[in-house]
Amino acid sequence: MKKANLITKDGWNALEAELKFLWKEERPRVTQAVSDAAALGDRSENAEYIYGKKRLREIDRRVRFLSKRMEVLRVVEPDPRQEGKAFFGAWLELESEQGETQRYQLVGPDEFNVAEGKISIDSPLARAMLGKAVDDEVVVRTPAGEQLWYVNQIQYQPFED
């Protein structure tokens, strides 16, 4: 399955900040550390040099990935016509059959973080929620089986606790 090329403004800002940090701060610092370690002589047994070179490759790989990925991403801002329905960027309060409530935001695959309540638009739960309204019952098919959810709230701003 191809992943969606959508991202929220907050998600875009986070990727942009990571790219800037890696390129402007982390890479120059590691480059200097490698240079300093290389000046110490024998590089074959120099742990700082070997680790630094490895870290530089990791940074360069991530910078390349972020640069290419950001070229194809499209920032999606909520549209007032979406109000009352679940679409990309929406914050949802869902209730399970057992009465447990969960809060999620439907986000792009580059910014999902279940611990923060952000689920990918490509996930089975998010796909099932698209276009739904408050008080809808939604059956979600997951690898673990079917789950029934009730939509309690939909909004395009984070929930206030």
C-alpha atoms as a PDB file:
ATOM      1  CA  MET A   1       0.000   0.000   0.000  1.00  0.00           C
ATOM      2  CA  LYS A   2       1.348   3.389  -0.994  1.00  0.00           C
ATOM      3  CA  LYS A   3       1.471   5.870   1.850  1.00  0.00           C
ATOM      4  CA  ALA A   4      -0.425   9.142   1.666  1.00  0.00           C
ATOM      5  CA  ASN A   5       1.500  12.280   0.766  1.00  0.00           C
ATOM      6  CA  LEU A   6      -0.504  14.416   3.180  1.00  0.00           C
ATOM      7  CA  ILE A   7       0.736  16.216   6.255  1.00  0.00           C
ATOM      8  CA  THR A   8      -0.665  18.709   8.751  1.00  0.00           C
ATOM      9  CA  LYS A   9       0.963  22.119   9.180  1.00  0.00           C
ATOM     10  CA  ASP A  10       2.289  21.034  12.593  1.00  0.00           C
ATOM     11  CA  GLY A  11       3.735  17.866  11.068  1.00  0.00           C
ATOM     12  CA  TRP A  12       5.406  19.859   8.290  1.00  0.00           C
ATOM     13  CA  ASN A  13       6.905  22.260  10.837  1.00  0.00           C
ATOM     14  CA  ALA A  14       8.295  19.323  12.844  1.00  0.00           C
ATOM     15  CA  LEU A  15       9.943  17.750   9.770  1.00  0.00           C
ATOM     16  CA  GLU A  16      11.325  21.128   8.727  1.00  0.00           C
ATOM     17  CA  ALA A  17      12.755  21.696  12.225  1.00  0.00           C
ATOM     18  CA  GLU A  18      14.349  18.229  12.239  1.00  0.00           C
ATOM     19  CA  LEU A  19      15.926  18.817   8.823  1.00  0.00           C
ATOM     20  CA  LYS A  20      17.249  22.226   9.879  1.00  0.00           C
ATOM     21  CA  PHE A  21      18.649  20.824  13.146  1.00  0.00           C
ATOM     22  CA  LEU A  22      20.391  17.920  11.403  1.00  0.00           C
ATOM     23  CA  TRP A  23      21.872  20.090   8.646  1.00  0.00           C
ATOM     24  CA  LYS A  24      22.766  23.259  10.578  1.00  0.00           C
ATOM     25  CA  GLU A  25      23.635  21.927  14.042  1.00  0.00           C
ATOM     26  CA  GLU A  26      24.097  18.157  14.323  1.00  0.00           C
ATOM     27  CA  ARG A  27      26.064  17.551  11.106  1.00  0.00           C
ATOM     28  CA  PRO A  28      28.602  20.386  11.661  1.00  0.00           C
ATOM     29  CA  ARG A  29      29.121  19.239  15.275  1.00  0.00           C
ATOM     30  CA  VAL A  30      29.691  15.607  14.253  1.00  0.00           C
ATOM     31  CA  THR A  31      31.903  16.667  11.332  1.00  0.00           C
ATOM     32  CA  GLN A  32      34.088  18.641  13.747  1.00  0.00           C
ATOM     33  CA  ALA A  33      34.250  15.678  16.136  1.00  0.00           C
ATOM     34  CA  VAL A  34      35.330  13.383  13.278  1.00  0.00           C
ATOM     35  CA  SER A  35      37.944  15.889  12.198  1.00  0.00           C
ATOM     36  CA  ASP A  36      39.272  16.161  15.756  1.00  0.00           C
ATOM     37  CA  ALA A  37      39.361  12.360  16.117  1.00  0.00           C
ATOM     38  CA  ALA A  38      41.146  11.978  12.759  1.00  0.00           C
ATOM     39  CA  ALA A  39      43.851  14.364  13.953  1.00  0.00           C
ATOM     40  CA  LEU A  40      44.695  11.949  16.771  1.00  0.00           C
ATOM     41  CA  GLY A  41      46.385   9.551  14.354  1.00  0.00           C
ATOM     42  CA  ASP A  42      45.554   5.884  13.704  1.00  0.00           C
ATOM     43  CA  ARG A  43      41.955   5.819  12.498  1.00  0.00           C
ATOM     44  CA  SER A  44      41.547   2.031  12.359  1.00  0.00           C
ATOM     45  CA  GLU A  45      41.260   1.706  16.145  1.00  0.00           C
ATOM     46  CA  ASN A  46      39.903   5.163  16.897  1.00  0.00           C
ATOM     47  CA  ALA A  47      36.378   4.620  18.284  1.00  0.00           C
ATOM     48  CA  GLU A  48      35.439   8.317  18.136  1.00  0.00           C
ATOM     49  CA  TYR A  49      36.434   8.483  14.475  1.00  0.00           C
ATOM     50  CA  ILE A  50      34.644   5.246  13.537  1.00  0.00           C
ATOM     51  CA  TYR A  51      31.471   6.178  15.445  1.00  0.00           C
ATOM     52  CA  GLY A  52      31.551   9.730  14.056  1.00  0.00           C
ATOM     53  CA  LYS A  53      31.779   8.493  10.464  1.00  0.00           C
ATOM     54  CA  LYS A  54      28.879   6.109  11.119  1.00  0.00           C
ATOM     55  CA  ARG A  55      26.831   8.918  12.658  1.00  0.00           C
ATOM     56  CA  LEU A  56      27.562  11.174   9.652  1.00  0.00           C
ATOM     57  CA  ARG A  57      26.218   8.477   7.309  1.00  0.00           C
ATOM     58  CA  GLU A  58      23.060   8.211   9.439  1.00  0.00           C
ATOM     59  CA  ILE A  59      22.587  11.990   9.393  1.00  0.00           C
ATOM     60  CA  ASP A  60      23.160  12.186   5.638  1.00  0.00           C
ATOM     61  CA  ARG A  61      20.704   9.339   5.024  1.00  0.00           C
ATOM     62  CA  ARG A  62      18.019  11.061   7.131  1.00  0.00           C
ATOM     63  CA  VAL A  63      18.663  14.454   5.479  1.00  0.00           C
ATOM     64  CA  ARG A  64      18.310  12.861   2.023  1.00  0.00           C
ATOM     65  CA  PHE A  65      15.106  11.095   3.068  1.00  0.00           C
ATOM     66  CA  LEU A  66      13.563  14.241   4.575  1.00  0.00           C
ATOM     67  CA  SER A  67      14.535  16.390   1.580  1.00  0.00           C
ATOM     68  CA  LYS A  68      13.007  13.955  -0.919  1.00  0.00           C
ATOM     69  CA  ARG A  69       9.923  13.259   1.196  1.00  0.00           C
ATOM     70  CA  MET A  70       9.195  16.959   1.754  1.00  0.00           C
ATOM     71  CA  GLU A  71       9.227  17.518  -2.026  1.00  0.00           C
ATOM     72  CA  VAL A  72       6.158  15.280  -2.436  1.00  0.00           C
ATOM     73  CA  LEU A  73       4.246  16.115   0.748  1.00  0.00           C
ATOM     74  CA  ARG A  74       1.193  18.345   0.580  1.00  0.00           C
ATOM     75  CA  VAL A  75       0.214  20.400   3.631  1.00  0.00           C
ATOM     76  CA  VAL A  76      -3.523  20.088   4.228  1.00  0.00           C
ATOM     77  CA  GLU A  77      -5.290  22.822   6.179  1.00  0.00           C
ATOM     78  CA  PRO A  78      -8.781  22.108   7.565  1.00  0.00           C
ATOM     79  CA  ASP A  79     -11.582  23.465   5.399  1.00  0.00           C
ATOM     80  CA  PRO A  80     -14.598  25.042   7.185  1.00  0.00           C
ATOM     81  CA  ARG A  81     -16.879  22.871   4.999  1.00  0.00           C
ATOM     82  CA  GLN A  82     -15.455  19.801   6.777  1.00  0.00           C
ATOM     83  CA  GLU A  83     -16.872  20.864  10.137  1.00  0.00           C
ATOM     84  CA  GLY A  84     -18.891  18.051  11.719  1.00  0.00           C
ATOM     85  CA  LYS A  85     -17.309  15.314   9.583  1.00  0.00           C
ATOM     86  CA  ALA A  86     -14.100  13.336  10.060  1.00  0.00           C
ATOM     87  CA  PHE A  87     -11.451  14.156   7.477  1.00  0.00           C
ATOM     88  CA  PHE A  88      -7.683  14.588   7.425  1.00  0.00           C
ATOM     89  CA  GLY A  89      -6.463  16.618  10.402  1.00  0.00           C
ATOM     90  CA  ALA A  90      -9.617  16.054  12.480  1.00  0.00           C
ATOM     91  CA  TRP A  91      -9.463  15.323  16.194  1.00  0.00           C
ATOM     92  CA  LEU A  92     -11.891  12.530  17.117  1.00  0.00           C
ATOM     93  CA  GLU A  93     -13.223  11.284  20.397  1.00  0.00           C
ATOM     94  CA  LEU A  94     -14.269   7.682  19.960  1.00  0.00           C
ATOM     95  CA  GLU A  95     -15.971   5.280  22.322  1.00  0.00           C
ATOM     96  CA  SER A  96     -15.499   1.514  22.162  1.00  0.00           C
ATOM     97  CA  GLU A  97     -18.223  -1.064  22.771  1.00  0.00           C
ATOM     98  CA  GLN A  98     -16.786  -1.441  26.290  1.00  0.00           C
ATOM     99  CA  GLY A  99     -17.370   2.269  26.986  1.00  0.00           C
ATOM    100  CA  GLU A 100     -13.697   3.281  26.852  1.00  0.00           C
ATOM    101  CA  THR A 101     -13.009   6.602  25.161  1.00  0.00           C
ATOM    102  CA  GLN A 102      -9.989   7.361  23.020  1.00  0.00           C
ATOM    103  CA  ARG A 103      -8.925  10.600  21.357  1.00  0.00           C
ATOM    104  CA  TYR A 104      -7.088  10.603  18.051  1.00  0.00           C
ATOM    105  CA  GLN A 105      -6.031  13.020  15.361  1.00  0.00           C
ATOM    106  CA  LEU A 106      -6.022  11.787  11.752  1.00  0.00           C
ATOM    107  CA  VAL A 107      -2.570  12.691  10.412  1.00  0.00           C
ATOM    108  CA  GLY A 108      -0.162  11.740   7.646  1.00  0.00           C
ATOM    109  CA  PRO A 109       2.086   8.683   7.851  1.00  0.00           C
ATOM    110  CA  ASP A 110       5.144  10.896   8.459  1.00  0.00           C
ATOM    111  CA  GLU A 111       3.779  12.308  11.698  1.00  0.00           C
ATOM    112  CA  PHE A 112       1.805   9.536  13.391  1.00  0.00           C
ATOM    113  CA  ASN A 113       2.570   8.947  17.051  1.00  0.00           C
ATOM    114  CA  VAL A 114       0.103   6.736  18.893  1.00  0.00           C
ATOM    115  CA  ALA A 115       1.455   7.881  22.277  1.00  0.00           C
ATOM    116  CA  GLU A 116       0.365  11.433  21.335  1.00  0.00           C
ATOM    117  CA  GLY A 117      -2.960  10.229  19.903  1.00  0.00           C
ATOM    118  CA  LYS A 118      -1.940  10.824  16.287  1.00  0.00           C
ATOM    119  CA  ILE A 119      -2.883   7.981  13.951  1.00  0.00           C
ATOM    120  CA  SER A 120      -1.964   7.639  10.292  1.00  0.00           C
ATOM    121  CA  ILE A 121      -4.641   8.331   7.710  1.00  0.00           C
ATOM    122  CA  ASP A 122      -3.518   5.012   6.191  1.00  0.00           C
ATOM    123  CA  SER A 123      -4.457   2.983   9.306  1.00  0.00           C
ATOM    124  CA  PRO A 124      -7.609   0.823   9.315  1.00  0.00           C
ATOM    125  CA  LEU A 125      -9.185   2.939  12.091  1.00  0.00           C
ATOM    126  CA  ALA A 126      -8.572   6.253  10.308  1.00  0.00           C
ATOM    127  CA  ARG A 127      -9.773   4.878   6.952  1.00  0.00           C
ATOM    128  CA  ALA A 128     -13.008   3.697   8.584  1.00  0.00           C
ATOM    129  CA  MET A 129     -13.569   7.103  10.210  1.00  0.00           C
ATOM    130  CA  LEU A 130     -13.240   9.213   7.042  1.00  0.00           C
ATOM    131  CA  GLY A 131     -16.463  11.061   6.270  1.00  0.00           C
ATOM    132  CA  LYS A 132     -18.188   9.955   9.471  1.00  0.00           C
ATOM    133  CA  ALA A 133     -20.160  12.333  11.695  1.00  0.00           C
ATOM    134  CA  VAL A 134     -20.893  12.602  15.424  1.00  0.00           C
ATOM    135  CA  ASP A 135     -23.095   9.742  16.709  1.00  0.00           C
ATOM    136  CA  ASP A 136     -22.124   7.440  13.823  1.00  0.00           C
ATOM    137  CA  GLU A 137     -21.337   3.813  14.600  1.00  0.00           C
ATOM    138  CA  VAL A 138     -18.263   2.597  12.760  1.00  0.00           C
ATOM    139  CA  VAL A 139     -17.114  -0.980  12.269  1.00  0.00           C
ATOM    140  CA  VAL A 140     -13.345  -1.171  11.924  1.00  0.00           C
ATOM    141  CA  ARG A 141     -11.768  -4.248  10.392  1.00  0.00           C
ATOM    142  CA  THR A 142      -8.331  -4.878  11.868  1.00  0.00           C
ATOM    143  CA  PRO A 143      -6.004  -7.873  11.839  1.00  0.00           C
ATOM    144  CA  ALA A 144      -7.294  -8.648  15.346  1.00  0.00           C
ATOM    145  CA  GLY A 145     -10.918  -8.714  14.124  1.00  0.00           C
ATOM    146  CA  GLU A 146     -13.807  -6.281  13.894  1.00  0.00           C
ATOM    147  CA  GLN A 147     -14.220  -3.478  16.411  1.00  0.00           C
ATOM    148  CA  LEU A 148     -17.228  -1.222  16.872  1.00  0.00           C
ATOM    149  CA  TRP A 149     -16.638   2.461  17.668  1.00  0.00           C
ATOM    150  CA  TYR A 150     -19.030   5.353  18.313  1.00  0.00           C
ATOM    151  CA  VAL A 151     -18.047   8.842  17.236  1.00  0.00           C
ATOM    152  CA  ASN A 152     -18.594  11.182  20.228  1.00  0.00           C
ATOM    153  CA  GLN A 153     -16.858  14.353  19.003  1.00  0.00           C
ATOM    154  CA  ILE A 154     -15.163  15.732  15.911  1.00  0.00           C
ATOM    155  CA  GLN A 155     -13.237  18.978  15.859  1.00  0.00           C
ATOM    156  CA  TYR A 156     -10.374  20.570  13.982  1.00  0.00           C
ATOM    157  CA  GLN A 157      -8.587  21.946  17.050  1.00  0.00           C
ATOM    158  CA  PRO A 158      -6.896  19.847  19.764  1.00  0.00           C
ATOM    159  CA  PHE A 159      -9.150  18.798  22.622  1.00  0.00           C
ATOM    160  CA  GLU A 160      -8.791  20.783  25.812  1.00  0.00           C
ATOM    161  CA  ASP A 161      -8.582  18.525  28.844  1.00  0.00           C
END
